[in-house]
ModelCIF file with pLDDT and N, C-alpha, C, O atoms, coordinates in Angstrom:
data_MODEL
#
_entry.id   MODEL 
#
_entity.id                         1 
_entity.type                       polymer 
_entity.pdbx_number_of_molecules   1 
#
_entity_poly.entity_id                      1 
_entity_poly.type                           'polypeptide(L)' 
_entity_poly.nstd_linkage                   no 
_entity_poly.nstd_monomer                   no 
_entity_poly.pdbx_seq_one_letter_code       SLTRAGDERALGSDVTVADCARCYRAYLPEAAQRLHPYAA 
_entity_poly.pdbx_seq_one_letter_code_can   SLTRAGDERALGSDVTVADCARCYRAYLPEAAQRLHPYAA 
_entity_poly.pdbx_strand_id                 A 
#
loop_
_entity_poly_seq.entity_id 
_entity_poly_seq.num 
_entity_poly_seq.mon_id 
_entity_poly_seq.hetero 
1 1  SER n 
1 2  LEU n 
1 3  THR n 
1 4  ARG n 
1 5  ALA n 
1 6  GLY n 
1 7  ASP n 
1 8  GLU n 
1 9  ARG n 
1 10 ALA n 
1 11 LEU n 
1 12 GLY n 
1 13 SER n 
1 14 ASP n 
1 15 VAL n 
1 16 THR n 
1 17 VAL n 
1 18 ALA n 
1 19 ASP n 
1 20 CYS n 
1 21 ALA n 
1 22 ARG n 
1 23 CYS n 
1 24 TYR n 
1 25 ARG n 
1 26 ALA n 
1 27 TYR n 
1 28 LEU n 
1 29 PRO n 
1 30 GLU n 
1 31 ALA n 
1 32 ALA n 
1 33 GLN n 
1 34 ARG n 
1 35 LEU n 
1 36 HIS n 
1 37 PRO n 
1 38 TYR n 
1 39 ALA n 
1 40 ALA n 
#
_struct_asym.id          A 
_struct_asym.entity_id   1 
#
loop_
_ma_qa_metric.id 
_ma_qa_metric.mode 
_ma_qa_metric.name 
_ma_qa_metric.software_group_id 
_ma_qa_metric.type 
1 global pLDDT . pLDDT 
2 local  pLDDT . pLDDT 
#
_ma_qa_metric_global.metric_id      1 
_ma_qa_metric_global.metric_value   96.03 
_ma_qa_metric_global.model_id       1 
_ma_qa_metric_global.ordinal_id     1 
#
loop_
_ma_qa_metric_local.label_asym_id 
_ma_qa_metric_local.label_comp_id 
_ma_qa_metric_local.label_seq_id 
_ma_qa_metric_local.metric_id 
_ma_qa_metric_local.metric_value 
_ma_qa_metric_local.model_id 
_ma_qa_metric_local.ordinal_id 
A SER 1  2 96.00 1 1  
A LEU 2  2 96.00 1 2  
A THR 3  2 95.00 1 3  
A ARG 4  2 93.00 1 4  
A ALA 5  2 96.00 1 5  
A GLY 6  2 95.00 1 6  
A ASP 7  2 95.00 1 7  
A GLU 8  2 94.00 1 8  
A ARG 9  2 95.00 1 9  
A ALA 10 2 95.00 1 10 
A LEU 11 2 96.00 1 11 
A GLY 12 2 96.00 1 12 
A SER 13 2 97.00 1 13 
A ASP 14 2 97.00 1 14 
A VAL 15 2 97.00 1 15 
A THR 16 2 97.00 1 16 
A VAL 17 2 97.00 1 17 
A ALA 18 2 98.00 1 18 
A ASP 19 2 98.00 1 19 
A CYS 20 2 98.00 1 20 
A ALA 21 2 98.00 1 21 
A ARG 22 2 98.00 1 22 
A CYS 23 2 98.00 1 23 
A TYR 24 2 98.00 1 24 
A ARG 25 2 98.00 1 25 
A ALA 26 2 98.00 1 26 
A TYR 27 2 98.00 1 27 
A LEU 28 2 98.00 1 28 
A PRO 29 2 97.00 1 29 
A GLU 30 2 96.00 1 30 
A ALA 31 2 92.00 1 31 
A ALA 32 2 92.00 1 32 
A GLN 33 2 94.00 1 33 
A ARG 34 2 94.00 1 34 
A LEU 35 2 92.00 1 35 
A HIS 36 2 95.00 1 36 
A PRO 37 2 92.00 1 37 
A TYR 38 2 97.00 1 38 
A ALA 39 2 98.00 1 39 
A ALA 40 2 97.00 1 40 
#
loop_
_atom_site.group_PDB 
_atom_site.id 
_atom_site.type_symbol 
_atom_site.label_atom_id 
_atom_site.label_alt_id 
_atom_site.label_comp_id 
_atom_site.label_asym_id 
_atom_site.label_entity_id 
_atom_site.label_seq_id 
_atom_site.pdbx_PDB_ins_code 
_atom_site.Cartn_x 
_atom_site.Cartn_y 
_atom_site.Cartn_z 
_atom_site.occupancy 
_atom_site.B_iso_or_equiv 
_atom_site.pdbx_formal_charge 
_atom_site.auth_seq_id 
_atom_site.auth_comp_id 
_atom_site.auth_asym_id 
_atom_site.auth_atom_id 
_atom_site.pdbx_PDB_model_num 
ATOM 1   N N  . SER A 1 1  ? 4.020  11.054 -7.163  1.00 96.00 ? 1  SER A N  1 
ATOM 2   C CA . SER A 1 1  ? 3.877  9.943  -8.109  1.00 96.00 ? 1  SER A CA 1 
ATOM 3   C C  . SER A 1 1  ? 5.229  9.401  -8.559  1.00 96.00 ? 1  SER A C  1 
ATOM 4   O O  . SER A 1 1  ? 5.336  8.255  -8.994  1.00 96.00 ? 1  SER A O  1 
ATOM 5   N N  . LEU A 1 2  ? 6.257  10.235 -8.449  1.00 96.00 ? 2  LEU A N  1 
ATOM 6   C CA . LEU A 1 2  ? 7.628  9.884  -8.854  1.00 96.00 ? 2  LEU A CA 1 
ATOM 7   C C  . LEU A 1 2  ? 7.713  9.446  -10.318 1.00 96.00 ? 2  LEU A C  1 
ATOM 8   O O  . LEU A 1 2  ? 8.622  8.709  -10.701 1.00 96.00 ? 2  LEU A O  1 
ATOM 9   N N  . THR A 1 3  ? 6.772  9.898  -11.119 1.00 95.00 ? 3  THR A N  1 
ATOM 10  C CA . THR A 1 3  ? 6.778  9.523  -12.532 1.00 95.00 ? 3  THR A CA 1 
ATOM 11  C C  . THR A 1 3  ? 7.758  10.342 -13.362 1.00 95.00 ? 3  THR A C  1 
ATOM 12  O O  . THR A 1 3  ? 8.055  9.983  -14.501 1.00 95.00 ? 3  THR A O  1 
ATOM 13  N N  . ARG A 1 4  ? 8.259  11.429 -12.808 1.00 93.00 ? 4  ARG A N  1 
ATOM 14  C CA . ARG A 1 4  ? 9.251  12.243 -13.537 1.00 93.00 ? 4  ARG A CA 1 
ATOM 15  C C  . ARG A 1 4  ? 10.653 12.051 -12.988 1.00 93.00 ? 4  ARG A C  1 
ATOM 16  O O  . ARG A 1 4  ? 11.580 12.749 -13.400 1.00 93.00 ? 4  ARG A O  1 
ATOM 17  N N  . ALA A 1 5  ? 10.820 11.121 -12.071 1.00 96.00 ? 5  ALA A N  1 
ATOM 18  C CA . ALA A 1 5  ? 12.145 10.913 -11.484 1.00 96.00 ? 5  ALA A CA 1 
ATOM 19  C C  . ALA A 1 5  ? 13.140 10.482 -12.552 1.00 96.00 ? 5  ALA A C  1 
ATOM 20  O O  . ALA A 1 5  ? 12.781 9.841  -13.540 1.00 96.00 ? 5  ALA A O  1 
ATOM 21  N N  . GLY A 1 6  ? 14.392 10.847 -12.330 1.00 95.00 ? 6  GLY A N  1 
ATOM 22  C CA . GLY A 1 6  ? 15.432 10.492 -13.277 1.00 95.00 ? 6  GLY A CA 1 
ATOM 23  C C  . GLY A 1 6  ? 15.926 9.067  -13.084 1.00 95.00 ? 6  GLY A C  1 
ATOM 24  O O  . GLY A 1 6  ? 15.488 8.354  -12.181 1.00 95.00 ? 6  GLY A O  1 
ATOM 25  N N  . ASP A 1 7  ? 16.845 8.669  -13.948 1.00 95.00 ? 7  ASP A N  1 
ATOM 26  C CA . ASP A 1 7  ? 17.482 7.358  -13.877 1.00 95.00 ? 7  ASP A CA 1 
ATOM 27  C C  . ASP A 1 7  ? 18.588 7.439  -12.835 1.00 95.00 ? 7  ASP A C  1 
ATOM 28  O O  . ASP A 1 7  ? 19.629 8.053  -13.071 1.00 95.00 ? 7  ASP A O  1 
ATOM 29  N N  . GLU A 1 8  ? 18.360 6.819  -11.683 1.00 94.00 ? 8  GLU A N  1 
ATOM 30  C CA . GLU A 1 8  ? 19.283 6.996  -10.560 1.00 94.00 ? 8  GLU A CA 1 
ATOM 31  C C  . GLU A 1 8  ? 20.683 6.487  -10.877 1.00 94.00 ? 8  GLU A C  1 
ATOM 32  O O  . GLU A 1 8  ? 21.669 7.059  -10.410 1.00 94.00 ? 8  GLU A O  1 
ATOM 33  N N  . ARG A 1 9  ? 20.783 5.414  -11.670 1.00 95.00 ? 9  ARG A N  1 
ATOM 34  C CA . ARG A 1 9  ? 22.108 4.892  -12.013 1.00 95.00 ? 9  ARG A CA 1 
ATOM 35  C C  . ARG A 1 9  ? 22.822 5.808  -12.999 1.00 95.00 ? 9  ARG A C  1 
ATOM 36  O O  . ARG A 1 9  ? 24.005 6.106  -12.836 1.00 95.00 ? 9  ARG A O  1 
ATOM 37  N N  . ALA A 1 10 ? 22.103 6.247  -14.011 1.00 95.00 ? 10 ALA A N  1 
ATOM 38  C CA . ALA A 1 10 ? 22.717 7.126  -15.003 1.00 95.00 ? 10 ALA A CA 1 
ATOM 39  C C  . ALA A 1 10 ? 23.164 8.444  -14.374 1.00 95.00 ? 10 ALA A C  1 
ATOM 40  O O  . ALA A 1 10 ? 24.185 9.015  -14.760 1.00 95.00 ? 10 ALA A O  1 
ATOM 41  N N  . LEU A 1 11 ? 22.387 8.917  -13.403 1.00 96.00 ? 11 LEU A N  1 
ATOM 42  C CA . LEU A 1 11 ? 22.702 10.189 -12.758 1.00 96.00 ? 11 LEU A CA 1 
ATOM 43  C C  . LEU A 1 11 ? 23.725 10.034 -11.635 1.00 96.00 ? 11 LEU A C  1 
ATOM 44  O O  . LEU A 1 11 ? 24.285 11.024 -11.164 1.00 96.00 ? 11 LEU A O  1 
ATOM 45  N N  . GLY A 1 12 ? 23.970 8.797  -11.207 1.00 96.00 ? 12 GLY A N  1 
ATOM 46  C CA . GLY A 1 12 ? 24.840 8.597  -10.060 1.00 96.00 ? 12 GLY A CA 1 
ATOM 47  C C  . GLY A 1 12 ? 24.256 9.220  -8.809  1.00 96.00 ? 12 GLY A C  1 
ATOM 48  O O  . GLY A 1 12 ? 24.972 9.800  -7.993  1.00 96.00 ? 12 GLY A O  1 
ATOM 49  N N  . SER A 1 13 ? 22.932 9.091  -8.666  1.00 97.00 ? 13 SER A N  1 
ATOM 50  C CA . SER A 1 13 ? 22.228 9.769  -7.583  1.00 97.00 ? 13 SER A CA 1 
ATOM 51  C C  . SER A 1 13 ? 22.498 9.109  -6.237  1.00 97.00 ? 13 SER A C  1 
ATOM 52  O O  . SER A 1 13 ? 22.608 7.887  -6.137  1.00 97.00 ? 13 SER A O  1 
ATOM 53  N N  . ASP A 1 14 ? 22.601 9.939  -5.208  1.00 97.00 ? 14 ASP A N  1 
ATOM 54  C CA . ASP A 1 14 ? 22.781 9.428  -3.852  1.00 97.00 ? 14 ASP A CA 1 
ATOM 55  C C  . ASP A 1 14 ? 21.460 9.083  -3.184  1.00 97.00 ? 14 ASP A C  1 
ATOM 56  O O  . ASP A 1 14 ? 21.455 8.464  -2.120  1.00 97.00 ? 14 ASP A O  1 
ATOM 57  N N  . VAL A 1 15 ? 20.340 9.471  -3.784  1.00 97.00 ? 15 VAL A N  1 
ATOM 58  C CA . VAL A 1 15 ? 19.020 9.045  -3.313  1.00 97.00 ? 15 VAL A CA 1 
ATOM 59  C C  . VAL A 1 15 ? 18.351 8.266  -4.436  1.00 97.00 ? 15 VAL A C  1 
ATOM 60  O O  . VAL A 1 15 ? 18.602 8.519  -5.615  1.00 97.00 ? 15 VAL A O  1 
ATOM 61  N N  . THR A 1 16 ? 17.503 7.323  -4.065  1.00 97.00 ? 16 THR A N  1 
ATOM 62  C CA . THR A 1 16 ? 16.847 6.476  -5.047  1.00 97.00 ? 16 THR A CA 1 
ATOM 63  C C  . THR A 1 16 ? 15.351 6.746  -5.059  1.00 97.00 ? 16 THR A C  1 
ATOM 64  O O  . THR A 1 16 ? 14.810 7.376  -4.150  1.00 97.00 ? 16 THR A O  1 
ATOM 65  N N  . VAL A 1 17 ? 14.697 6.260  -6.100  1.00 97.00 ? 17 VAL A N  1 
ATOM 66  C CA . VAL A 1 17 ? 13.239 6.357  -6.164  1.00 97.00 ? 17 VAL A CA 1 
ATOM 67  C C  . VAL A 1 17 ? 12.614 5.626  -4.986  1.00 97.00 ? 17 VAL A C  1 
ATOM 68  O O  . VAL A 1 17 ? 11.623 6.094  -4.425  1.00 97.00 ? 17 VAL A O  1 
ATOM 69  N N  . ALA A 1 18 ? 13.177 4.490  -4.605  1.00 98.00 ? 18 ALA A N  1 
ATOM 70  C CA . ALA A 1 18 ? 12.657 3.742  -3.459  1.00 98.00 ? 18 ALA A CA 1 
ATOM 71  C C  . ALA A 1 18 ? 12.760 4.552  -2.172  1.00 98.00 ? 18 ALA A C  1 
ATOM 72  O O  . ALA A 1 18 ? 11.847 4.528  -1.346  1.00 98.00 ? 18 ALA A O  1 
ATOM 73  N N  . ASP A 1 19 ? 13.875 5.273  -1.999  1.00 98.00 ? 19 ASP A N  1 
ATOM 74  C CA . ASP A 1 19 ? 14.020 6.150  -0.826  1.00 98.00 ? 19 ASP A CA 1 
ATOM 75  C C  . ASP A 1 19 ? 12.895 7.182  -0.791  1.00 98.00 ? 19 ASP A C  1 
ATOM 76  O O  . ASP A 1 19 ? 12.251 7.390  0.237   1.00 98.00 ? 19 ASP A O  1 
ATOM 77  N N  . CYS A 1 20 ? 12.676 7.816  -1.929  1.00 98.00 ? 20 CYS A N  1 
ATOM 78  C CA . CYS A 1 20 ? 11.649 8.858  -2.011  1.00 98.00 ? 20 CYS A CA 1 
ATOM 79  C C  . CYS A 1 20 ? 10.260 8.284  -1.774  1.00 98.00 ? 20 CYS A C  1 
ATOM 80  O O  . CYS A 1 20 ? 9.428  8.904  -1.112  1.00 98.00 ? 20 CYS A O  1 
ATOM 81  N N  . ALA A 1 21 ? 10.010 7.083  -2.325  1.00 98.00 ? 21 ALA A N  1 
ATOM 82  C CA . ALA A 1 21 ? 8.702  6.442  -2.145  1.00 98.00 ? 21 ALA A CA 1 
ATOM 83  C C  . ALA A 1 21 ? 8.429  6.176  -0.672  1.00 98.00 ? 21 ALA A C  1 
ATOM 84  O O  . ALA A 1 21 ? 7.304  6.368  -0.211  1.00 98.00 ? 21 ALA A O  1 
ATOM 85  N N  . ARG A 1 22 ? 9.439  5.737  0.076   1.00 98.00 ? 22 ARG A N  1 
ATOM 86  C CA . ARG A 1 22 ? 9.263  5.502  1.512   1.00 98.00 ? 22 ARG A CA 1 
ATOM 87  C C  . ARG A 1 22 ? 8.902  6.793  2.236   1.00 98.00 ? 22 ARG A C  1 
ATOM 88  O O  . ARG A 1 22 ? 8.047  6.802  3.122   1.00 98.00 ? 22 ARG A O  1 
ATOM 89  N N  . CYS A 1 23 ? 9.551  7.866  1.857   1.00 98.00 ? 23 CYS A N  1 
ATOM 90  C CA . CYS A 1 23 ? 9.262  9.159  2.491   1.00 98.00 ? 23 CYS A CA 1 
ATOM 91  C C  . CYS A 1 23 ? 7.828  9.600  2.203   1.00 98.00 ? 23 CYS A C  1 
ATOM 92  O O  . CYS A 1 23 ? 7.120  10.054 3.102   1.00 98.00 ? 23 CYS A O  1 
ATOM 93  N N  . TYR A 1 24 ? 7.408  9.465  0.956   1.00 98.00 ? 24 TYR A N  1 
ATOM 94  C CA . TYR A 1 24 ? 6.045  9.872  0.608   1.00 98.00 ? 24 TYR A CA 1 
ATOM 95  C C  . TYR A 1 24 ? 5.003  8.984  1.276   1.00 98.00 ? 24 TYR A C  1 
ATOM 96  O O  . TYR A 1 24 ? 3.936  9.469  1.651   1.00 98.00 ? 24 TYR A O  1 
ATOM 97  N N  . ARG A 1 25 ? 5.287  7.703  1.431   1.00 98.00 ? 25 ARG A N  1 
ATOM 98  C CA . ARG A 1 25 ? 4.333  6.829  2.128   1.00 98.00 ? 25 ARG A CA 1 
ATOM 99  C C  . ARG A 1 25 ? 4.149  7.266  3.581   1.00 98.00 ? 25 ARG A C  1 
ATOM 100 O O  . ARG A 1 25 ? 3.050  7.162  4.125   1.00 98.00 ? 25 ARG A O  1 
ATOM 101 N N  . ALA A 1 26 ? 5.203  7.745  4.201   1.00 98.00 ? 26 ALA A N  1 
ATOM 102 C CA . ALA A 1 26 ? 5.106  8.215  5.579   1.00 98.00 ? 26 ALA A CA 1 
ATOM 103 C C  . ALA A 1 26 ? 4.326  9.519  5.670   1.00 98.00 ? 26 ALA A C  1 
ATOM 104 O O  . ALA A 1 26 ? 3.492  9.690  6.559   1.00 98.00 ? 26 ALA A O  1 
ATOM 105 N N  . TYR A 1 27 ? 4.600  10.441 4.742   1.00 98.00 ? 27 TYR A N  1 
ATOM 106 C CA . TYR A 1 27 ? 3.971  11.766 4.773   1.00 98.00 ? 27 TYR A CA 1 
ATOM 107 C C  . TYR A 1 27 ? 2.548  11.745 4.225   1.00 98.00 ? 27 TYR A C  1 
ATOM 108 O O  . TYR A 1 27 ? 1.682  12.484 4.694   1.00 98.00 ? 27 TYR A O  1 
ATOM 109 N N  . LEU A 1 28 ? 2.314  10.896 3.234   1.00 98.00 ? 28 LEU A N  1 
ATOM 110 C CA . LEU A 1 28 ? 1.016  10.834 2.543   1.00 98.00 ? 28 LEU A CA 1 
ATOM 111 C C  . LEU A 1 28 ? 0.498  9.400  2.607   1.00 98.00 ? 28 LEU A C  1 
ATOM 112 O O  . LEU A 1 28 ? 0.482  8.707  1.589   1.00 98.00 ? 28 LEU A O  1 
ATOM 113 N N  . PRO A 1 29 ? 0.074  8.944  3.784   1.00 97.00 ? 29 PRO A N  1 
ATOM 114 C CA . PRO A 1 29 ? -0.314 7.538  3.928   1.00 97.00 ? 29 PRO A CA 1 
ATOM 115 C C  . PRO A 1 29 ? -1.570 7.158  3.158   1.00 97.00 ? 29 PRO A C  1 
ATOM 116 O O  . PRO A 1 29 ? -1.776 5.983  2.854   1.00 97.00 ? 29 PRO A O  1 
ATOM 117 N N  . GLU A 1 30 ? -2.410 8.132  2.839   1.00 96.00 ? 30 GLU A N  1 
ATOM 118 C CA . GLU A 1 30 ? -3.619 7.867  2.071   1.00 96.00 ? 30 GLU A CA 1 
ATOM 119 C C  . GLU A 1 30 ? -3.381 8.234  0.612   1.00 96.00 ? 30 GLU A C  1 
ATOM 120 O O  . GLU A 1 30 ? -2.947 9.346  0.312   1.00 96.00 ? 30 GLU A O  1 
ATOM 121 N N  . ALA A 1 31 ? -3.661 7.309  -0.287  1.00 92.00 ? 31 ALA A N  1 
ATOM 122 C CA . ALA A 1 31 ? -3.358 7.510  -1.709  1.00 92.00 ? 31 ALA A CA 1 
ATOM 123 C C  . ALA A 1 31 ? -4.012 8.766  -2.256  1.00 92.00 ? 31 ALA A C  1 
ATOM 124 O O  . ALA A 1 31 ? -3.413 9.465  -3.074  1.00 92.00 ? 31 ALA A O  1 
ATOM 125 N N  . ALA A 1 32 ? -5.228 9.067  -1.823  1.00 92.00 ? 32 ALA A N  1 
ATOM 126 C CA . ALA A 1 32 ? -5.938 10.243 -2.346  1.00 92.00 ? 32 ALA A CA 1 
ATOM 127 C C  . ALA A 1 32 ? -5.211 11.544 -2.030  1.00 92.00 ? 32 ALA A C  1 
ATOM 128 O O  . ALA A 1 32 ? -5.349 12.526 -2.759  1.00 92.00 ? 32 ALA A O  1 
ATOM 129 N N  . GLN A 1 33 ? -4.440 11.557 -0.950  1.00 94.00 ? 33 GLN A N  1 
ATOM 130 C CA . GLN A 1 33 ? -3.715 12.775 -0.586  1.00 94.00 ? 33 GLN A CA 1 
ATOM 131 C C  . GLN A 1 33 ? -2.673 13.150 -1.630  1.00 94.00 ? 33 GLN A C  1 
ATOM 132 O O  . GLN A 1 33 ? -2.285 14.313 -1.744  1.00 94.00 ? 33 GLN A O  1 
ATOM 133 N N  . ARG A 1 34 ? -2.227 12.166 -2.384  1.00 94.00 ? 34 ARG A N  1 
ATOM 134 C CA . ARG A 1 34 ? -1.099 12.404 -3.288  1.00 94.00 ? 34 ARG A CA 1 
ATOM 135 C C  . ARG A 1 34 ? -1.470 13.196 -4.529  1.00 94.00 ? 34 ARG A C  1 
ATOM 136 O O  . ARG A 1 34 ? -0.615 13.483 -5.367  1.00 94.00 ? 34 ARG A O  1 
ATOM 137 N N  . LEU A 1 35 ? -2.744 13.548 -4.647  1.00 92.00 ? 35 LEU A N  1 
ATOM 138 C CA . LEU A 1 35 ? -3.180 14.429 -5.740  1.00 92.00 ? 35 LEU A CA 1 
ATOM 139 C C  . LEU A 1 35 ? -3.542 15.813 -5.231  1.00 92.00 ? 35 LEU A C  1 
ATOM 140 O O  . LEU A 1 35 ? -3.859 16.702 -6.023  1.00 92.00 ? 35 LEU A O  1 
ATOM 141 N N  . HIS A 1 36 ? -3.499 16.007 -3.909  1.00 95.00 ? 36 HIS A N  1 
ATOM 142 C CA . HIS A 1 36 ? -3.837 17.313 -3.358  1.00 95.00 ? 36 HIS A CA 1 
ATOM 143 C C  . HIS A 1 36 ? -2.776 18.325 -3.791  1.00 95.00 ? 36 HIS A C  1 
ATOM 144 O O  . HIS A 1 36 ? -1.586 18.016 -3.736  1.00 95.00 ? 36 HIS A O  1 
ATOM 145 N N  . PRO A 1 37 ? -3.175 19.523 -4.221  1.00 92.00 ? 37 PRO A N  1 
ATOM 146 C CA . PRO A 1 37 ? -2.170 20.487 -4.701  1.00 92.00 ? 37 PRO A CA 1 
ATOM 147 C C  . PRO A 1 37 ? -1.140 20.871 -3.654  1.00 92.00 ? 37 PRO A C  1 
ATOM 148 O O  . PRO A 1 37 ? -0.013 21.221 -4.005  1.00 92.00 ? 37 PRO A O  1 
ATOM 149 N N  . TYR A 1 38 ? -1.503 20.814 -2.357  1.00 97.00 ? 38 TYR A N  1 
ATOM 150 C CA . TYR A 1 38 ? -0.521 21.137 -1.324  1.00 97.00 ? 38 TYR A CA 1 
ATOM 151 C C  . TYR A 1 38 ? 0.428  19.976 -1.062  1.00 97.00 ? 38 TYR A C  1 
ATOM 152 O O  . TYR A 1 38 ? 1.441  20.137 -0.381  1.00 97.00 ? 38 TYR A O  1 
ATOM 153 N N  . ALA A 1 39 ? 0.102  18.808 -1.603  1.00 98.00 ? 39 ALA A N  1 
ATOM 154 C CA . ALA A 1 39 ? 0.953  17.639 -1.453  1.00 98.00 ? 39 ALA A CA 1 
ATOM 155 C C  . ALA A 1 39 ? 1.703  17.297 -2.731  1.00 98.00 ? 39 ALA A C  1 
ATOM 156 O O  . ALA A 1 39 ? 2.718  16.602 -2.690  1.00 98.00 ? 39 ALA A O  1 
ATOM 157 N N  . ALA A 1 40 ? 1.212  17.776 -3.855  1.00 97.00 ? 40 ALA A N  1 
ATOM 158 C CA . ALA A 1 40 ? 1.795  17.445 -5.161  1.00 97.00 ? 40 ALA A CA 1 
ATOM 159 C C  . ALA A 1 40 ? 1.884  18.713 -6.003  1.00 97.00 ? 40 ALA A C  1 
ATOM 160 O O  . ALA A 1 40 ? 2.346  18.666 -7.143  1.00 97.00 ? 40 ALA A O  1 
#
């Protein structure tokens, strides 16, 4: 869900929420999967 992600600018993070979202869309293409305990 990426709802607990930090502030990428404040943290000076080398990965962004958008990067992570793309990865999760590839791994979990069906929205319902994103609540499965083995996926989340």
